[in-house]
Amino acid sequence: MAPPDPMDDLREQLRATQEAAARIAAQVPTQGWASAQQRDATAADVQALAAVLHALRDVVPEDLWQQIREVLRRLLLLLRAILDLVVDRLSAPGGGAGPEGPGRGAGPRVQDIPIA
């Protein structure tokens, strides 16, 4: 009788992993992890928020509404900047490997300057 081949064990583990991944993938709905009920609930929440904003627009004075729009605009710009930073770090060479963290080391070097 031949000794057990470690490669056979590895092949069996890979086959079992592939089967498990296929079973899990088959359970994922077409819209991602959200079920139809969760998707409908989210849509209803967004519609309710839009209705509140439309109601507020009729009640709030124009100068205050302008300030609200400016705050929302800045919030969206901040969100876009955060997303851009994450995308840059994810697409950086090396994929974030190394002690500096994801995406670091590719940009300009920063140096602390002591203030006397």
N, C-alpha and C. Protein backbone atom coordinates (compact mmCIF):
# COMPACT_ATOMS: atom_id res chain seq x y z
N MET A 1 0.84 -1.18 0.00
CA MET A 1 0.00 0.00 0.00
C MET A 1 0.89 1.24 0.00
N ALA A 2 0.58 2.18 -0.88
CA ALA A 2 1.37 3.40 -1.03
C ALA A 2 1.01 4.39 0.07
N PRO A 3 1.99 5.17 0.51
CA PRO A 3 1.68 6.18 1.53
C PRO A 3 0.74 7.23 0.94
N PRO A 4 -0.08 7.87 1.81
CA PRO A 4 -1.02 8.88 1.31
C PRO A 4 -0.26 10.08 0.73
N ASP A 5 -0.75 10.54 -0.40
CA ASP A 5 -0.13 11.68 -1.09
C ASP A 5 -0.71 12.98 -0.53
N PRO A 6 0.16 13.89 -0.02
CA PRO A 6 -0.35 15.16 0.50
C PRO A 6 -1.08 15.98 -0.56
N MET A 7 -0.71 15.82 -1.81
CA MET A 7 -1.38 16.56 -2.88
C MET A 7 -2.83 16.10 -3.05
N ASP A 8 -3.09 14.83 -2.79
CA ASP A 8 -4.47 14.33 -2.86
C ASP A 8 -5.33 15.01 -1.80
N ASP A 9 -4.77 15.17 -0.59
CA ASP A 9 -5.50 15.86 0.47
C ASP A 9 -5.78 17.31 0.07
N LEU A 10 -4.79 17.95 -0.51
CA LEU A 10 -4.95 19.34 -0.94
C LEU A 10 -6.01 19.45 -2.03
N ARG A 11 -5.98 18.52 -2.98
CA ARG A 11 -7.00 18.52 -4.05
C ARG A 11 -8.39 18.34 -3.47
N GLU A 12 -8.53 17.46 -2.51
CA GLU A 12 -9.84 17.22 -1.88
C GLU A 12 -10.33 18.47 -1.14
N GLN A 13 -9.43 19.15 -0.44
CA GLN A 13 -9.81 20.38 0.25
C GLN A 13 -10.21 21.47 -0.73
N LEU A 14 -9.49 21.59 -1.84
CA LEU A 14 -9.84 22.58 -2.86
C LEU A 14 -11.20 22.27 -3.48
N ARG A 15 -11.46 20.99 -3.75
CA ARG A 15 -12.75 20.60 -4.32
C ARG A 15 -13.88 20.93 -3.34
N ALA A 16 -13.68 20.63 -2.06
CA ALA A 16 -14.71 20.93 -1.05
C ALA A 16 -14.93 22.43 -0.93
N THR A 17 -13.86 23.22 -1.03
CA THR A 17 -13.98 24.68 -0.96
C THR A 17 -14.75 25.22 -2.16
N GLN A 18 -14.46 24.68 -3.35
CA GLN A 18 -15.18 25.12 -4.55
C GLN A 18 -16.67 24.80 -4.44
N GLU A 19 -16.99 23.62 -3.95
CA GLU A 19 -18.39 23.24 -3.80
C GLU A 19 -19.10 24.15 -2.80
N ALA A 20 -18.43 24.46 -1.68
CA ALA A 20 -19.02 25.35 -0.68
C ALA A 20 -19.24 26.75 -1.25
N ALA A 21 -18.26 27.26 -2.00
CA ALA A 21 -18.39 28.58 -2.61
C ALA A 21 -19.54 28.60 -3.62
N ALA A 22 -19.70 27.52 -4.38
CA ALA A 22 -20.79 27.44 -5.35
C ALA A 22 -22.14 27.41 -4.64
N ARG A 23 -22.23 26.71 -3.53
CA ARG A 23 -23.49 26.68 -2.76
C ARG A 23 -23.84 28.06 -2.22
N ILE A 24 -22.84 28.75 -1.70
CA ILE A 24 -23.08 30.09 -1.15
C ILE A 24 -23.46 31.06 -2.27
N ALA A 25 -22.78 31.00 -3.41
CA ALA A 25 -23.07 31.89 -4.52
C ALA A 25 -24.48 31.67 -5.05
N ALA A 26 -24.95 30.44 -5.00
CA ALA A 26 -26.31 30.15 -5.49
C ALA A 26 -27.37 30.77 -4.59
N GLN A 27 -27.03 31.07 -3.34
CA GLN A 27 -27.99 31.64 -2.40
C GLN A 27 -28.08 33.15 -2.48
N VAL A 28 -27.15 33.79 -3.18
CA VAL A 28 -27.13 35.25 -3.26
C VAL A 28 -28.18 35.71 -4.27
N PRO A 29 -29.10 36.60 -3.85
CA PRO A 29 -30.11 37.11 -4.79
C PRO A 29 -29.46 37.94 -5.90
N THR A 30 -30.21 38.17 -6.96
CA THR A 30 -29.67 38.90 -8.11
C THR A 30 -29.28 40.34 -7.77
N GLN A 31 -29.88 40.94 -6.78
CA GLN A 31 -29.57 42.32 -6.40
C GLN A 31 -28.54 42.37 -5.28
N GLY A 32 -27.73 41.36 -5.09
CA GLY A 32 -26.75 41.35 -4.02
C GLY A 32 -27.33 40.66 -2.81
N TRP A 33 -26.95 41.11 -1.62
CA TRP A 33 -27.40 40.45 -0.40
C TRP A 33 -28.80 40.85 0.00
N ALA A 34 -29.33 41.91 -0.56
CA ALA A 34 -30.65 42.40 -0.16
C ALA A 34 -31.75 41.52 -0.74
N SER A 35 -32.71 41.21 0.10
CA SER A 35 -33.88 40.48 -0.37
C SER A 35 -34.84 41.49 -1.00
N ALA A 36 -35.88 40.98 -1.63
CA ALA A 36 -36.87 41.87 -2.25
C ALA A 36 -37.53 42.75 -1.19
N GLN A 37 -37.79 42.19 -0.02
CA GLN A 37 -38.41 42.96 1.06
C GLN A 37 -37.49 44.06 1.55
N GLN A 38 -36.19 43.75 1.70
CA GLN A 38 -35.23 44.77 2.14
C GLN A 38 -35.09 45.87 1.10
N ARG A 39 -35.08 45.48 -0.19
CA ARG A 39 -34.96 46.46 -1.27
C ARG A 39 -36.18 47.38 -1.29
N ASP A 40 -37.39 46.80 -1.10
CA ASP A 40 -38.61 47.61 -1.08
C ASP A 40 -38.63 48.54 0.13
N ALA A 41 -38.16 48.05 1.28
CA ALA A 41 -38.11 48.87 2.49
C ALA A 41 -37.15 50.04 2.31
N THR A 42 -36.01 49.79 1.68
CA THR A 42 -35.05 50.86 1.43
C THR A 42 -35.63 51.89 0.47
N ALA A 43 -36.30 51.42 -0.56
CA ALA A 43 -36.92 52.35 -1.52
C ALA A 43 -37.99 53.19 -0.82
N ALA A 44 -38.76 52.59 0.07
CA ALA A 44 -39.79 53.32 0.80
C ALA A 44 -39.15 54.38 1.72
N ASP A 45 -38.02 54.04 2.34
CA ASP A 45 -37.32 55.00 3.19
C ASP A 45 -36.82 56.19 2.38
N VAL A 46 -36.28 55.93 1.22
CA VAL A 46 -35.77 57.01 0.37
C VAL A 46 -36.93 57.90 -0.10
N GLN A 47 -38.05 57.29 -0.46
CA GLN A 47 -39.21 58.07 -0.89
C GLN A 47 -39.75 58.92 0.26
N ALA A 48 -39.75 58.37 1.48
CA ALA A 48 -40.21 59.13 2.64
C ALA A 48 -39.28 60.31 2.91
N LEU A 49 -37.98 60.09 2.79
CA LEU A 49 -37.02 61.18 2.99
C LEU A 49 -37.22 62.27 1.94
N ALA A 50 -37.45 61.89 0.70
CA ALA A 50 -37.70 62.87 -0.36
C ALA A 50 -38.98 63.66 -0.09
N ALA A 51 -40.01 62.99 0.41
CA ALA A 51 -41.27 63.67 0.73
C ALA A 51 -41.06 64.68 1.86
N VAL A 52 -40.26 64.31 2.86
CA VAL A 52 -39.97 65.25 3.97
C VAL A 52 -39.22 66.46 3.45
N LEU A 53 -38.24 66.23 2.57
CA LEU A 53 -37.50 67.36 2.02
C LEU A 53 -38.39 68.28 1.18
N HIS A 54 -39.30 67.71 0.42
CA HIS A 54 -40.23 68.54 -0.35
C HIS A 54 -41.16 69.33 0.57
N ALA A 55 -41.62 68.71 1.66
CA ALA A 55 -42.47 69.42 2.62
C ALA A 55 -41.70 70.54 3.30
N LEU A 56 -40.43 70.28 3.65
CA LEU A 56 -39.61 71.31 4.29
C LEU A 56 -39.35 72.48 3.35
N ARG A 57 -39.24 72.19 2.08
CA ARG A 57 -38.95 73.25 1.12
C ARG A 57 -40.06 74.29 1.10
N ASP A 58 -41.29 73.85 1.30
CA ASP A 58 -42.42 74.79 1.32
C ASP A 58 -42.48 75.58 2.62
N VAL A 59 -41.93 75.06 3.71
CA VAL A 59 -42.04 75.68 5.03
C VAL A 59 -40.83 76.55 5.36
N VAL A 60 -39.65 76.11 4.98
CA VAL A 60 -38.41 76.77 5.36
C VAL A 60 -38.20 78.01 4.48
N PRO A 61 -37.77 79.13 5.10
CA PRO A 61 -37.46 80.33 4.31
C PRO A 61 -36.33 80.06 3.31
N GLU A 62 -36.32 80.83 2.23
CA GLU A 62 -35.37 80.59 1.14
C GLU A 62 -33.92 80.72 1.59
N ASP A 63 -33.58 81.69 2.46
CA ASP A 63 -32.19 81.84 2.88
C ASP A 63 -31.73 80.65 3.71
N LEU A 64 -32.62 80.13 4.56
CA LEU A 64 -32.27 78.94 5.35
C LEU A 64 -32.16 77.71 4.43
N TRP A 65 -33.05 77.62 3.44
CA TRP A 65 -32.99 76.51 2.49
C TRP A 65 -31.68 76.55 1.71
N GLN A 66 -31.20 77.75 1.38
CA GLN A 66 -29.91 77.89 0.68
C GLN A 66 -28.79 77.36 1.57
N GLN A 67 -28.83 77.66 2.86
CA GLN A 67 -27.81 77.17 3.78
C GLN A 67 -27.87 75.64 3.90
N ILE A 68 -29.06 75.09 3.93
CA ILE A 68 -29.22 73.63 4.00
C ILE A 68 -28.63 72.99 2.74
N ARG A 69 -28.90 73.57 1.58
CA ARG A 69 -28.34 73.03 0.34
C ARG A 69 -26.81 73.10 0.35
N GLU A 70 -26.27 74.18 0.88
CA GLU A 70 -24.81 74.32 0.95
C GLU A 70 -24.20 73.26 1.87
N VAL A 71 -24.84 73.02 3.02
CA VAL A 71 -24.36 71.98 3.93
C VAL A 71 -24.42 70.61 3.27
N LEU A 72 -25.52 70.32 2.58
CA LEU A 72 -25.64 69.04 1.87
C LEU A 72 -24.59 68.92 0.77
N ARG A 73 -24.34 70.01 0.05
CA ARG A 73 -23.34 69.99 -1.00
C ARG A 73 -21.96 69.68 -0.43
N ARG A 74 -21.62 70.32 0.69
CA ARG A 74 -20.32 70.07 1.32
C ARG A 74 -20.22 68.65 1.86
N LEU A 75 -21.32 68.14 2.39
CA LEU A 75 -21.34 66.76 2.87
C LEU A 75 -21.10 65.78 1.72
N LEU A 76 -21.73 66.04 0.58
CA LEU A 76 -21.52 65.18 -0.58
C LEU A 76 -20.10 65.28 -1.11
N LEU A 77 -19.53 66.49 -1.08
CA LEU A 77 -18.13 66.65 -1.50
C LEU A 77 -17.19 65.89 -0.57
N LEU A 78 -17.48 65.91 0.73
CA LEU A 78 -16.68 65.16 1.68
C LEU A 78 -16.79 63.66 1.41
N LEU A 79 -17.99 63.20 1.16
CA LEU A 79 -18.19 61.79 0.85
C LEU A 79 -17.45 61.40 -0.42
N ARG A 80 -17.49 62.25 -1.43
CA ARG A 80 -16.77 61.98 -2.67
C ARG A 80 -15.27 61.93 -2.44
N ALA A 81 -14.75 62.83 -1.61
CA ALA A 81 -13.32 62.84 -1.31
C ALA A 81 -12.90 61.57 -0.57
N ILE A 82 -13.74 61.12 0.35
CA ILE A 82 -13.44 59.89 1.08
C ILE A 82 -13.44 58.70 0.11
N LEU A 83 -14.44 58.65 -0.76
CA LEU A 83 -14.49 57.55 -1.74
C LEU A 83 -13.30 57.59 -2.68
N ASP A 84 -12.91 58.79 -3.13
CA ASP A 84 -11.74 58.91 -4.00
C ASP A 84 -10.49 58.41 -3.29
N LEU A 85 -10.35 58.74 -2.02
CA LEU A 85 -9.19 58.29 -1.25
C LEU A 85 -9.16 56.77 -1.14
N VAL A 86 -10.31 56.18 -0.86
CA VAL A 86 -10.38 54.72 -0.74
C VAL A 86 -10.06 54.06 -2.08
N VAL A 87 -10.61 54.60 -3.16
CA VAL A 87 -10.34 54.03 -4.49
C VAL A 87 -8.86 54.17 -4.82
N ASP A 88 -8.25 55.30 -4.53
CA ASP A 88 -6.82 55.50 -4.80
C ASP A 88 -5.99 54.50 -4.01
N ARG A 89 -6.34 54.28 -2.77
CA ARG A 89 -5.57 53.34 -1.94
C ARG A 89 -5.75 51.91 -2.43
N LEU A 90 -6.95 51.59 -2.88
CA LEU A 90 -7.18 50.22 -3.37
C LEU A 90 -6.48 49.98 -4.70
N SER A 91 -6.36 51.00 -5.52
CA SER A 91 -5.76 50.83 -6.84
C SER A 91 -4.27 51.13 -6.85
N ALA A 92 -3.70 51.43 -5.69
CA ALA A 92 -2.27 51.73 -5.61
C ALA A 92 -1.45 50.46 -5.88
N PRO A 93 -0.27 50.59 -6.47
CA PRO A 93 0.58 49.42 -6.70
C PRO A 93 0.89 48.73 -5.38
N GLY A 94 0.85 47.43 -5.38
CA GLY A 94 1.12 46.67 -4.16
C GLY A 94 -0.13 46.35 -3.40
N GLY A 95 -1.25 46.95 -3.73
CA GLY A 95 -2.52 46.63 -3.08
C GLY A 95 -2.55 46.88 -1.60
N GLY A 96 -1.72 47.79 -1.11
CA GLY A 96 -1.76 48.11 0.30
C GLY A 96 -0.88 47.23 1.15
N ALA A 97 -0.02 46.42 0.54
CA ALA A 97 0.86 45.57 1.31
C ALA A 97 1.97 46.41 1.92
N GLY A 98 2.47 45.97 3.03
CA GLY A 98 3.58 46.66 3.65
C GLY A 98 3.16 47.38 4.90
N PRO A 99 4.14 47.81 5.69
CA PRO A 99 3.84 48.43 6.98
C PRO A 99 3.22 49.81 6.87
N GLU A 100 3.38 50.48 5.73
CA GLU A 100 2.84 51.82 5.62
C GLU A 100 1.34 51.84 5.46
N GLY A 101 0.73 50.72 5.10
CA GLY A 101 -0.71 50.68 4.91
C GLY A 101 -1.06 50.81 3.45
N PRO A 102 -2.35 50.70 3.14
CA PRO A 102 -2.78 50.71 1.75
C PRO A 102 -2.55 52.04 1.08
N GLY A 103 -1.88 52.01 -0.06
CA GLY A 103 -1.74 53.21 -0.88
C GLY A 103 -0.72 54.21 -0.39
N ARG A 104 -0.11 53.97 0.73
CA ARG A 104 0.84 54.95 1.26
C ARG A 104 2.20 54.72 0.63
N GLY A 105 2.97 55.75 0.59
CA GLY A 105 4.29 55.65 0.01
C GLY A 105 4.31 56.06 -1.45
N ALA A 106 3.16 56.11 -2.11
CA ALA A 106 3.11 56.46 -3.52
C ALA A 106 3.07 57.97 -3.71
N GLY A 107 2.57 58.71 -2.73
CA GLY A 107 2.42 60.15 -2.85
C GLY A 107 3.65 60.88 -2.34
N PRO A 108 3.53 62.20 -2.22
CA PRO A 108 4.66 62.99 -1.74
C PRO A 108 4.97 62.66 -0.29
N ARG A 109 6.23 62.76 0.04
CA ARG A 109 6.67 62.48 1.39
C ARG A 109 6.43 63.72 2.27
N VAL A 110 5.87 63.52 3.45
CA VAL A 110 5.56 64.61 4.36
C VAL A 110 6.56 64.58 5.51
N GLN A 111 7.01 65.76 5.90
CA GLN A 111 7.97 65.85 6.98
C GLN A 111 7.46 66.83 8.03
N ASP A 112 7.57 66.44 9.30
CA ASP A 112 7.20 67.34 10.38
C ASP A 112 8.26 68.41 10.53
N ILE A 113 7.82 69.65 10.67
CA ILE A 113 8.73 70.76 10.88
C ILE A 113 8.43 71.33 12.26
N PRO A 114 9.38 71.23 13.19
CA PRO A 114 9.12 71.74 14.54
C PRO A 114 8.95 73.26 14.54
N ILE A 115 7.99 73.71 15.33
CA ILE A 115 7.74 75.14 15.45
C ILE A 115 8.36 75.61 16.75
N ALA A 116 9.27 76.57 16.66
CA ALA A 116 9.97 77.04 17.85
C ALA A 116 9.25 78.17 18.51
